[in-house]
Full PDB file with SEQRES, HELIX, SHEET, SSBOND, CRYST1, ORIGX, SCALE, CONECT and MASTER records, all heavy atoms in Angstrom:
SEQRES   1 A   35  ILE ALA LEU GLY GLN GLU GLY TYR ILE THR VAL THR PHE          
SEQRES   2 A   35  ASN THR ALA GLY ARG ASN GLY PHE GLN GLN LYS GLN ILE          
SEQRES   3 A   35  THR VAL LEU THR ASN ALA VAL PRO ASN                          
CRYST1    1.000    1.000    1.000  90.00  90.00  90.00 P 1           1          
ORIGX1      1.000000  0.000000  0.000000        0.00000                         
ORIGX2      0.000000  1.000000  0.000000        0.00000                         
ORIGX3      0.000000  0.000000  1.000000        0.00000                         
SCALE1      1.000000  0.000000  0.000000        0.00000                         
SCALE2      0.000000  1.000000  0.000000        0.00000                         
SCALE3      0.000000  0.000000  1.000000        0.00000                         
ATOM      1  N   ILE A   1       0.049  47.338 -52.116  1.00  0.00           N  
ATOM      2  CA  ILE A   1      -0.702  47.928 -53.225  1.00  0.00           C  
ATOM      3  C   ILE A   1      -0.403  49.427 -53.191  1.00  0.00           C  
ATOM      4  O   ILE A   1      -0.735  50.113 -52.223  1.00  0.00           O  
ATOM      5  CB  ILE A   1      -2.222  47.685 -53.085  1.00  0.00           C  
ATOM      6  CG1 ILE A   1      -2.527  46.194 -52.865  1.00  0.00           C  
ATOM      7  CG2 ILE A   1      -2.973  48.256 -54.273  1.00  0.00           C  
ATOM      8  CD1 ILE A   1      -2.134  45.281 -53.986  1.00  0.00           C  
ATOM      9  N   ALA A   2       0.226  49.930 -54.243  1.00  0.00           N  
ATOM     10  CA  ALA A   2       0.635  51.339 -54.292  1.00  0.00           C  
ATOM     11  C   ALA A   2      -0.581  52.247 -54.474  1.00  0.00           C  
ATOM     12  O   ALA A   2      -1.658  51.806 -54.895  1.00  0.00           O  
ATOM     13  CB  ALA A   2       1.627  51.557 -55.429  1.00  0.00           C  
ATOM     14  N   LEU A   3      -0.389  53.518 -54.182  1.00  0.00           N  
ATOM     15  CA  LEU A   3      -1.414  54.539 -54.351  1.00  0.00           C  
ATOM     16  C   LEU A   3      -1.993  54.478 -55.763  1.00  0.00           C  
ATOM     17  O   LEU A   3      -1.252  54.430 -56.740  1.00  0.00           O  
ATOM     18  CB  LEU A   3      -0.798  55.923 -54.098  1.00  0.00           C  
ATOM     19  CG  LEU A   3      -1.633  57.140 -54.473  1.00  0.00           C  
ATOM     20  CD1 LEU A   3      -2.890  57.194 -53.619  1.00  0.00           C  
ATOM     21  CD2 LEU A   3      -0.823  58.400 -54.291  1.00  0.00           C  
ATOM     22  N   GLY A   4      -3.306  54.421 -55.856  1.00  0.00           N  
ATOM     23  CA  GLY A   4      -3.982  54.405 -57.153  1.00  0.00           C  
ATOM     24  C   GLY A   4      -4.066  53.042 -57.811  1.00  0.00           C  
ATOM     25  O   GLY A   4      -4.765  52.876 -58.800  1.00  0.00           O  
ATOM     26  N   GLN A   5      -3.379  52.046 -57.268  1.00  0.00           N  
ATOM     27  CA  GLN A   5      -3.394  50.709 -57.866  1.00  0.00           C  
ATOM     28  C   GLN A   5      -4.614  49.918 -57.391  1.00  0.00           C  
ATOM     29  O   GLN A   5      -5.238  50.246 -56.393  1.00  0.00           O  
ATOM     30  CB  GLN A   5      -2.111  49.956 -57.514  1.00  0.00           C  
ATOM     31  CG  GLN A   5      -0.855  50.602 -58.077  1.00  0.00           C  
ATOM     32  CD  GLN A   5      -0.880  50.642 -59.591  1.00  0.00           C  
ATOM     33  OE1 GLN A   5      -1.053  49.631 -60.241  1.00  0.00           O  
ATOM     34  NE2 GLN A   5      -0.718  51.843 -60.152  1.00  0.00           N  
ATOM     35  N   GLU A   6      -4.920  48.864 -58.133  1.00  0.00           N  
ATOM     36  CA  GLU A   6      -6.045  48.005 -57.796  1.00  0.00           C  
ATOM     37  C   GLU A   6      -5.566  46.621 -57.411  1.00  0.00           C  
ATOM     38  O   GLU A   6      -4.430  46.236 -57.684  1.00  0.00           O  
ATOM     39  CB  GLU A   6      -7.008  47.903 -58.973  1.00  0.00           C  
ATOM     40  CG  GLU A   6      -6.393  47.220 -60.182  1.00  0.00           C  
ATOM     41  CD  GLU A   6      -7.317  47.220 -61.385  1.00  0.00           C  
ATOM     42  OE1 GLU A   6      -7.917  48.262 -61.686  1.00  0.00           O  
ATOM     43  OE2 GLU A   6      -7.411  46.151 -62.016  1.00  0.00           O  
ATOM     44  N   GLY A   7      -6.450  45.874 -56.789  1.00  0.00           N  
ATOM     45  CA  GLY A   7      -6.174  44.498 -56.424  1.00  0.00           C  
ATOM     46  C   GLY A   7      -7.479  43.745 -56.295  1.00  0.00           C  
ATOM     47  O   GLY A   7      -8.570  44.326 -56.435  1.00  0.00           O  
ATOM     48  N   TYR A   8      -7.372  42.448 -56.027  1.00  0.00           N  
ATOM     49  CA  TYR A   8      -8.550  41.600 -55.908  1.00  0.00           C  
ATOM     50  C   TYR A   8      -8.435  40.706 -54.689  1.00  0.00           C  
ATOM     51  O   TYR A   8      -7.356  40.174 -54.399  1.00  0.00           O  
ATOM     52  CB  TYR A   8      -8.713  40.715 -57.147  1.00  0.00           C  
ATOM     53  CG  TYR A   8      -9.001  41.494 -58.403  1.00  0.00           C  
ATOM     54  CD1 TYR A   8      -7.961  41.964 -59.200  1.00  0.00           C  
ATOM     55  CD2 TYR A   8     -10.310  41.763 -58.783  1.00  0.00           C  
ATOM     56  CE1 TYR A   8      -8.220  42.691 -60.350  1.00  0.00           C  
ATOM     57  CE2 TYR A   8     -10.579  42.486 -59.942  1.00  0.00           C  
ATOM     58  CZ  TYR A   8      -9.530  42.942 -60.713  1.00  0.00           C  
ATOM     59  OH  TYR A   8      -9.788  43.658 -61.846  1.00  0.00           O  
ATOM     60  N   ILE A   9      -9.559  40.524 -54.019  1.00  0.00           N  
ATOM     61  CA  ILE A   9      -9.688  39.501 -52.985  1.00  0.00           C  
ATOM     62  C   ILE A   9     -10.669  38.492 -53.559  1.00  0.00           C  
ATOM     63  O   ILE A   9     -11.842  38.813 -53.797  1.00  0.00           O  
ATOM     64  CB  ILE A   9     -10.188  40.079 -51.655  1.00  0.00           C  
ATOM     65  CG1 ILE A   9      -9.144  41.042 -51.090  1.00  0.00           C  
ATOM     66  CG2 ILE A   9     -10.499  38.946 -50.662  1.00  0.00           C  
ATOM     67  CD1 ILE A   9      -9.578  41.778 -49.851  1.00  0.00           C  
ATOM     68  N   THR A  10     -10.174  37.283 -53.836  1.00  0.00           N  
ATOM     69  CA  THR A  10     -11.003  36.243 -54.434  1.00  0.00           C  
ATOM     70  C   THR A  10     -11.487  35.313 -53.335  1.00  0.00           C  
ATOM     71  O   THR A  10     -10.701  34.831 -52.517  1.00  0.00           O  
ATOM     72  CB  THR A  10     -10.210  35.457 -55.497  1.00  0.00           C  
ATOM     73  OG1 THR A  10      -9.771  36.379 -56.503  1.00  0.00           O  
ATOM     74  CG2 THR A  10     -11.065  34.375 -56.140  1.00  0.00           C  
ATOM     75  N   VAL A  11     -12.799  35.074 -53.347  1.00  0.00           N  
ATOM     76  CA  VAL A  11     -13.431  34.231 -52.339  1.00  0.00           C  
ATOM     77  C   VAL A  11     -14.055  33.032 -53.033  1.00  0.00           C  
ATOM     78  O   VAL A  11     -14.819  33.191 -53.992  1.00  0.00           O  
ATOM     79  CB  VAL A  11     -14.513  35.026 -51.575  1.00  0.00           C  
ATOM     80  CG1 VAL A  11     -15.183  34.159 -50.540  1.00  0.00           C  
ATOM     81  CG2 VAL A  11     -13.917  36.267 -50.937  1.00  0.00           C  
ATOM     82  N   THR A  12     -13.710  31.825 -52.574  1.00  0.00           N  
ATOM     83  CA  THR A  12     -14.283  30.598 -53.127  1.00  0.00           C  
ATOM     84  C   THR A  12     -15.159  29.954 -52.061  1.00  0.00           C  
ATOM     85  O   THR A  12     -14.703  29.690 -50.949  1.00  0.00           O  
ATOM     86  CB  THR A  12     -13.178  29.624 -53.570  1.00  0.00           C  
ATOM     87  OG1 THR A  12     -12.365  30.280 -54.554  1.00  0.00           O  
ATOM     88  CG2 THR A  12     -13.764  28.358 -54.166  1.00  0.00           C  
ATOM     89  N   PHE A  13     -16.411  29.735 -52.425  1.00  0.00           N  
ATOM     90  CA  PHE A  13     -17.408  29.148 -51.527  1.00  0.00           C  
ATOM     91  C   PHE A  13     -17.693  27.726 -51.984  1.00  0.00           C  
ATOM     92  O   PHE A  13     -18.136  27.504 -53.103  1.00  0.00           O  
ATOM     93  CB  PHE A  13     -18.674  30.006 -51.546  1.00  0.00           C  
ATOM     94  CG  PHE A  13     -19.835  29.442 -50.785  1.00  0.00           C  
ATOM     95  CD1 PHE A  13     -19.701  28.924 -49.511  1.00  0.00           C  
ATOM     96  CD2 PHE A  13     -21.111  29.455 -51.352  1.00  0.00           C  
ATOM     97  CE1 PHE A  13     -20.779  28.421 -48.814  1.00  0.00           C  
ATOM     98  CE2 PHE A  13     -22.201  28.956 -50.668  1.00  0.00           C  
ATOM     99  CZ  PHE A  13     -22.041  28.436 -49.399  1.00  0.00           C  
ATOM    100  N   ASN A  14     -17.429  26.752 -51.103  1.00  0.00           N  
ATOM    101  CA  ASN A  14     -17.696  25.347 -51.378  1.00  0.00           C  
ATOM    102  C   ASN A  14     -19.070  25.019 -50.804  1.00  0.00           C  
ATOM    103  O   ASN A  14     -19.258  25.016 -49.591  1.00  0.00           O  
ATOM    104  CB  ASN A  14     -16.617  24.463 -50.751  1.00  0.00           C  
ATOM    105  CG  ASN A  14     -16.793  23.002 -51.095  1.00  0.00           C  
ATOM    106  OD1 ASN A  14     -17.783  22.600 -51.692  1.00  0.00           O  
ATOM    107  ND2 ASN A  14     -15.815  22.203 -50.702  1.00  0.00           N  
ATOM    108  N   THR A  15     -20.035  24.727 -51.673  1.00  0.00           N  
ATOM    109  CA  THR A  15     -21.414  24.503 -51.244  1.00  0.00           C  
ATOM    110  C   THR A  15     -21.688  23.080 -50.764  1.00  0.00           C  
ATOM    111  O   THR A  15     -22.819  22.778 -50.364  1.00  0.00           O  
ATOM    112  CB  THR A  15     -22.386  24.852 -52.381  1.00  0.00           C  
ATOM    113  OG1 THR A  15     -22.153  23.945 -53.464  1.00  0.00           O  
ATOM    114  CG2 THR A  15     -22.206  26.283 -52.836  1.00  0.00           C  
ATOM    115  N   ALA A  16     -20.683  22.205 -50.812  1.00  0.00           N  
ATOM    116  CA  ALA A  16     -20.881  20.817 -50.367  1.00  0.00           C  
ATOM    117  C   ALA A  16     -21.393  20.801 -48.926  1.00  0.00           C  
ATOM    118  O   ALA A  16     -20.851  21.471 -48.049  1.00  0.00           O  
ATOM    119  CB  ALA A  16     -19.584  20.031 -50.476  1.00  0.00           C  
ATOM    120  N   GLY A  17     -22.447  20.046 -48.706  1.00  0.00           N  
ATOM    121  CA  GLY A  17     -23.018  19.916 -47.370  1.00  0.00           C  
ATOM    122  C   GLY A  17     -23.885  21.100 -46.955  1.00  0.00           C  
ATOM    123  O   GLY A  17     -24.323  21.178 -45.809  1.00  0.00           O  
ATOM    124  N   ARG A  18     -24.133  22.013 -47.841  1.00  0.00           N  
ATOM    125  CA  ARG A  18     -24.950  23.199 -47.542  1.00  0.00           C  
ATOM    126  C   ARG A  18     -26.298  23.062 -48.244  1.00  0.00           C  
ATOM    127  O   ARG A  18     -26.412  22.434 -49.294  1.00  0.00           O  
ATOM    128  CB  ARG A  18     -24.273  24.484 -48.026  1.00  0.00           C  
ATOM    129  CG  ARG A  18     -22.869  24.639 -47.549  1.00  0.00           C  
ATOM    130  CD  ARG A  18     -22.832  25.063 -46.108  1.00  0.00           C  
ATOM    131  NE  ARG A  18     -21.444  25.045 -45.647  1.00  0.00           N  
ATOM    132  CZ  ARG A  18     -21.098  24.866 -44.412  1.00  0.00           C  
ATOM    133  NH1 ARG A  18     -22.004  24.697 -43.481  1.00  0.00           N  
ATOM    134  NH2 ARG A  18     -19.845  24.863 -44.069  1.00  0.00           N  
ATOM    135  N   ASN A  19     -27.315  23.668 -47.670  1.00  0.00           N  
ATOM    136  CA  ASN A  19     -28.639  23.646 -48.264  1.00  0.00           C  
ATOM    137  C   ASN A  19     -29.391  24.895 -47.820  1.00  0.00           C  
ATOM    138  O   ASN A  19     -29.265  25.332 -46.684  1.00  0.00           O  
ATOM    139  CB  ASN A  19     -29.402  22.391 -47.847  1.00  0.00           C  
ATOM    140  CG  ASN A  19     -30.657  22.190 -48.660  1.00  0.00           C  
ATOM    141  OD1 ASN A  19     -30.770  22.657 -49.787  1.00  0.00           O  
ATOM    142  ND2 ASN A  19     -31.624  21.484 -48.086  1.00  0.00           N  
ATOM    143  N   GLY A  20     -30.140  25.489 -48.752  1.00  0.00           N  
ATOM    144  CA  GLY A  20     -30.920  26.677 -48.422  1.00  0.00           C  
ATOM    145  C   GLY A  20     -30.095  27.941 -48.519  1.00  0.00           C  
ATOM    146  O   GLY A  20     -29.015  27.968 -49.107  1.00  0.00           O  
ATOM    147  N   PHE A  21     -30.621  29.007 -47.932  1.00  0.00           N  
ATOM    148  CA  PHE A  21     -29.966  30.304 -48.008  1.00  0.00           C  
ATOM    149  C   PHE A  21     -28.672  30.296 -47.189  1.00  0.00           C  
ATOM    150  O   PHE A  21     -28.658  29.876 -46.033  1.00  0.00           O  
ATOM    151  CB  PHE A  21     -30.897  31.404 -47.496  1.00  0.00           C  
ATOM    152  CG  PHE A  21     -30.269  32.766 -47.531  1.00  0.00           C  
ATOM    153  CD1 PHE A  21     -30.080  33.426 -48.729  1.00  0.00           C  
ATOM    154  CD2 PHE A  21     -29.846  33.366 -46.361  1.00  0.00           C  
ATOM    155  CE1 PHE A  21     -29.494  34.682 -48.764  1.00  0.00           C  
ATOM    156  CE2 PHE A  21     -29.259  34.624 -46.384  1.00  0.00           C  
ATOM    157  CZ  PHE A  21     -29.084  35.287 -47.592  1.00  0.00           C  
ATOM    158  N   GLN A  22     -27.596  30.766 -47.788  1.00  0.00           N  
ATOM    159  CA  GLN A  22     -26.286  30.829 -47.137  1.00  0.00           C  
ATOM    160  C   GLN A  22     -25.761  32.260 -47.244  1.00  0.00           C  
ATOM    161  O   GLN A  22     -25.862  32.884 -48.302  1.00  0.00           O  
ATOM    162  CB  GLN A  22     -25.288  29.884 -47.811  1.00  0.00           C  
ATOM    163  CG  GLN A  22     -25.714  28.436 -47.825  1.00  0.00           C  
ATOM    164  CD  GLN A  22     -25.680  27.828 -46.439  1.00  0.00           C  
ATOM    165  OE1 GLN A  22     -24.708  27.957 -45.712  1.00  0.00           O  
ATOM    166  NE2 GLN A  22     -26.770  27.157 -46.074  1.00  0.00           N  
ATOM    167  N   GLN A  23     -25.212  32.753 -46.155  1.00  0.00           N  
ATOM    168  CA  GLN A  23     -24.588  34.071 -46.137  1.00  0.00           C  
ATOM    169  C   GLN A  23     -23.304  33.961 -45.340  1.00  0.00           C  
ATOM    170  O   GLN A  23     -23.315  33.485 -44.208  1.00  0.00           O  
ATOM    171  CB  GLN A  23     -25.528  35.095 -45.503  1.00  0.00           C  
ATOM    172  CG  GLN A  23     -24.959  36.492 -45.461  1.00  0.00           C  
ATOM    173  CD  GLN A  23     -25.998  37.513 -45.042  1.00  0.00           C  
ATOM    174  OE1 GLN A  23     -27.055  37.613 -45.646  1.00  0.00           O  
ATOM    175  NE2 GLN A  23     -25.690  38.264 -43.994  1.00  0.00           N  
ATOM    176  N   LYS A  24     -22.203  34.387 -45.931  1.00  0.00           N  
ATOM    177  CA  LYS A  24     -20.890  34.280 -45.293  1.00  0.00           C  
ATOM    178  C   LYS A  24     -20.233  35.656 -45.246  1.00  0.00           C  
ATOM    179  O   LYS A  24     -20.337  36.448 -46.179  1.00  0.00           O  
ATOM    180  CB  LYS A  24     -19.980  33.307 -46.061  1.00  0.00           C  
ATOM    181  CG  LYS A  24     -20.599  31.939 -46.305  1.00  0.00           C  
ATOM    182  CD  LYS A  24     -20.947  31.231 -45.031  1.00  0.00           C  
ATOM    183  CE  LYS A  24     -21.658  29.919 -45.320  1.00  0.00           C  
ATOM    184  NZ  LYS A  24     -22.242  29.340 -44.136  1.00  0.00           N  
ATOM    185  N   GLN A  25     -19.541  35.911 -44.159  1.00  0.00           N  
ATOM    186  CA  GLN A  25     -18.855  37.192 -43.955  1.00  0.00           C  
ATOM    187  C   GLN A  25     -17.356  36.995 -44.122  1.00  0.00           C  
ATOM    188  O   GLN A  25     -16.794  36.023 -43.632  1.00  0.00           O  
ATOM    189  CB  GLN A  25     -19.157  37.703 -42.551  1.00  0.00           C  
ATOM    190  CG  GLN A  25     -18.459  38.987 -42.200  1.00  0.00           C  
ATOM    191  CD  GLN A  25     -18.899  39.494 -40.838  1.00  0.00           C  
ATOM    192  OE1 GLN A  25     -20.072  39.719 -40.602  1.00  0.00           O  
ATOM    193  NE2 GLN A  25     -17.943  39.667 -39.938  1.00  0.00           N  
ATOM    194  N   ILE A  26     -16.715  37.929 -44.795  1.00  0.00           N  
ATOM    195  CA  ILE A  26     -15.268  37.914 -44.992  1.00  0.00           C  
ATOM    196  C   ILE A  26     -14.720  39.187 -44.349  1.00  0.00           C  
ATOM    197  O   ILE A  26     -15.147  40.289 -44.694  1.00  0.00           O  
ATOM    198  CB  ILE A  26     -14.887  37.848 -46.494  1.00  0.00           C  
ATOM    199  CG1 ILE A  26     -15.431  36.566 -47.132  1.00  0.00           C  
ATOM    200  CG2 ILE A  26     -13.388  37.923 -46.679  1.00  0.00           C  
ATOM    201  CD1 ILE A  26     -16.772  36.704 -47.745  1.00  0.00           C  
ATOM    202  N   THR A  27     -13.783  39.032 -43.420  1.00  0.00           N  
ATOM    203  CA  THR A  27     -13.201  40.171 -42.709  1.00  0.00           C  
ATOM    204  C   THR A  27     -11.817  40.441 -43.273  1.00  0.00           C  
ATOM    205  O   THR A  27     -10.979  39.545 -43.337  1.00  0.00           O  
ATOM    206  CB  THR A  27     -13.108  39.872 -41.197  1.00  0.00           C  
ATOM    207  OG1 THR A  27     -14.424  39.562 -40.722  1.00  0.00           O  
ATOM    208  CG2 THR A  27     -12.558  41.066 -40.437  1.00  0.00           C  
ATOM    209  N   VAL A  28     -11.588  41.693 -43.684  1.00  0.00           N  
ATOM    210  CA  VAL A  28     -10.328  42.117 -44.298  1.00  0.00           C  
ATOM    211  C   VAL A  28      -9.619  43.053 -43.318  1.00  0.00           C  
ATOM    212  O   VAL A  28     -10.176  44.083 -42.934  1.00  0.00           O  
ATOM    213  CB  VAL A  28     -10.582  42.845 -45.635  1.00  0.00           C  
ATOM    214  CG1 VAL A  28      -9.270  43.265 -46.284  1.00  0.00           C  
ATOM    215  CG2 VAL A  28     -11.407  41.972 -46.570  1.00  0.00           C  
ATOM    216  N   LEU A  29      -8.395  42.689 -42.900  1.00  0.00           N  
ATOM    217  CA  LEU A  29      -7.590  43.530 -42.017  1.00  0.00           C  
ATOM    218  C   LEU A  29      -6.460  44.163 -42.822  1.00  0.00           C  
ATOM    219  O   LEU A  29      -5.745  43.472 -43.541  1.00  0.00           O  
ATOM    220  CB  LEU A  29      -7.000  42.718 -40.869  1.00  0.00           C  
ATOM    221  CG  LEU A  29      -7.995  42.108 -39.892  1.00  0.00           C  
ATOM    222  CD1 LEU A  29      -7.279  41.270 -38.854  1.00  0.00           C  
ATOM    223  CD2 LEU A  29      -8.829  43.178 -39.231  1.00  0.00           C  
ATOM    224  N   THR A  30      -6.309  45.486 -42.681  1.00  0.00           N  
ATOM    225  CA  THR A  30      -5.312  46.222 -43.455  1.00  0.00           C  
ATOM    226  C   THR A  30      -4.613  47.254 -42.575  1.00  0.00           C  
ATOM    227  O   THR A  30      -4.944  47.401 -41.397  1.00  0.00           O  
ATOM    228  CB  THR A  30      -5.983  46.979 -44.629  1.00  0.00           C  
ATOM    229  OG1 THR A  30      -6.772  48.044 -44.090  1.00  0.00           O  
ATOM    230  CG2 THR A  30      -6.846  46.075 -45.475  1.00  0.00           C  
ATOM    231  N   ASN A  31      -3.690  47.983 -43.183  1.00  0.00           N  
ATOM    232  CA  ASN A  31      -3.060  49.105 -42.494  1.00  0.00           C  
ATOM    233  C   ASN A  31      -3.768  50.419 -42.828  1.00  0.00           C  
ATOM    234  O   ASN A  31      -3.262  51.493 -42.556  1.00  0.00           O  
ATOM    235  CB  ASN A  31      -1.567  49.193 -42.856  1.00  0.00           C  
ATOM    236  CG  ASN A  31      -1.336  49.534 -44.310  1.00  0.00           C  
ATOM    237  OD1 ASN A  31      -2.126  49.196 -45.181  1.00  0.00           O  
ATOM    238  ND2 ASN A  31      -0.225  50.180 -44.584  1.00  0.00           N  
ATOM    239  N   ALA A  32      -4.948  50.336 -43.427  1.00  0.00           N  
ATOM    240  CA  ALA A  32      -5.733  51.516 -43.791  1.00  0.00           C  
ATOM    241  C   ALA A  32      -6.489  52.048 -42.577  1.00  0.00           C  
ATOM    242  O   ALA A  32      -6.498  51.434 -41.508  1.00  0.00           O  
ATOM    243  CB  ALA A  32      -6.717  51.161 -44.900  1.00  0.00           C  
ATOM    244  N   VAL A  33      -7.124  53.177 -42.770  1.00  0.00           N  
ATOM    245  CA  VAL A  33      -7.968  53.754 -41.729  1.00  0.00           C  
ATOM    246  C   VAL A  33      -9.367  53.891 -42.301  1.00  0.00           C  
ATOM    247  O   VAL A  33      -9.539  54.600 -43.291  1.00  0.00           O  
ATOM    248  CB  VAL A  33      -7.440  55.130 -41.281  1.00  0.00           C  
ATOM    249  CG1 VAL A  33      -8.362  55.761 -40.260  1.00  0.00           C  
ATOM    250  CG2 VAL A  33      -6.037  54.999 -40.711  1.00  0.00           C  
ATOM    251  N   PRO A  34     -10.368  53.171 -41.784  1.00  0.00           N  
ATOM    252  CA  PRO A  34     -10.283  52.188 -40.713  1.00  0.00           C  
ATOM    253  C   PRO A  34      -9.577  50.917 -41.189  1.00  0.00           C  
ATOM    254  O   PRO A  34      -9.491  50.669 -42.379  1.00  0.00           O  
ATOM    255  CB  PRO A  34     -11.743  51.910 -40.365  1.00  0.00           C  
ATOM    256  CG  PRO A  34     -12.498  52.200 -41.614  1.00  0.00           C  
ATOM    257  CD  PRO A  34     -11.738  53.296 -42.313  1.00  0.00           C  
ATOM    258  N   ASN A  35      -9.107  50.115 -40.240  1.00  0.00           N  
ATOM    259  CA  ASN A  35      -8.277  48.971 -40.609  1.00  0.00           C  
ATOM    260  C   ASN A  35      -9.066  47.684 -40.885  1.00  0.00           C  
ATOM    261  O   ASN A  35      -8.473  46.676 -41.230  1.00  0.00           O  
ATOM    262  CB  ASN A  35      -7.214  48.712 -39.549  1.00  0.00           C  
ATOM    263  CG  ASN A  35      -7.791  48.162 -38.264  1.00  0.00           C  
ATOM    264  OD1 ASN A  35      -8.966  48.327 -37.979  1.00  0.00           O  
ATOM    265  ND2 ASN A  35      -6.952  47.540 -37.465  1.00  0.00           N  
TER     266      ASN A  35                                                      
MASTER        0    0    0    0    0    0    0    6  265    1    0    3          
END                                                                             
């Protein structure tokens, strides 16, 4: 992704077998600082 450009990280959550409050964490590793 060049300087000034945008991008998207799309996250799909499958609720099958889930019930009640759900919270999920997504960890993104990059060459940025912090990484």
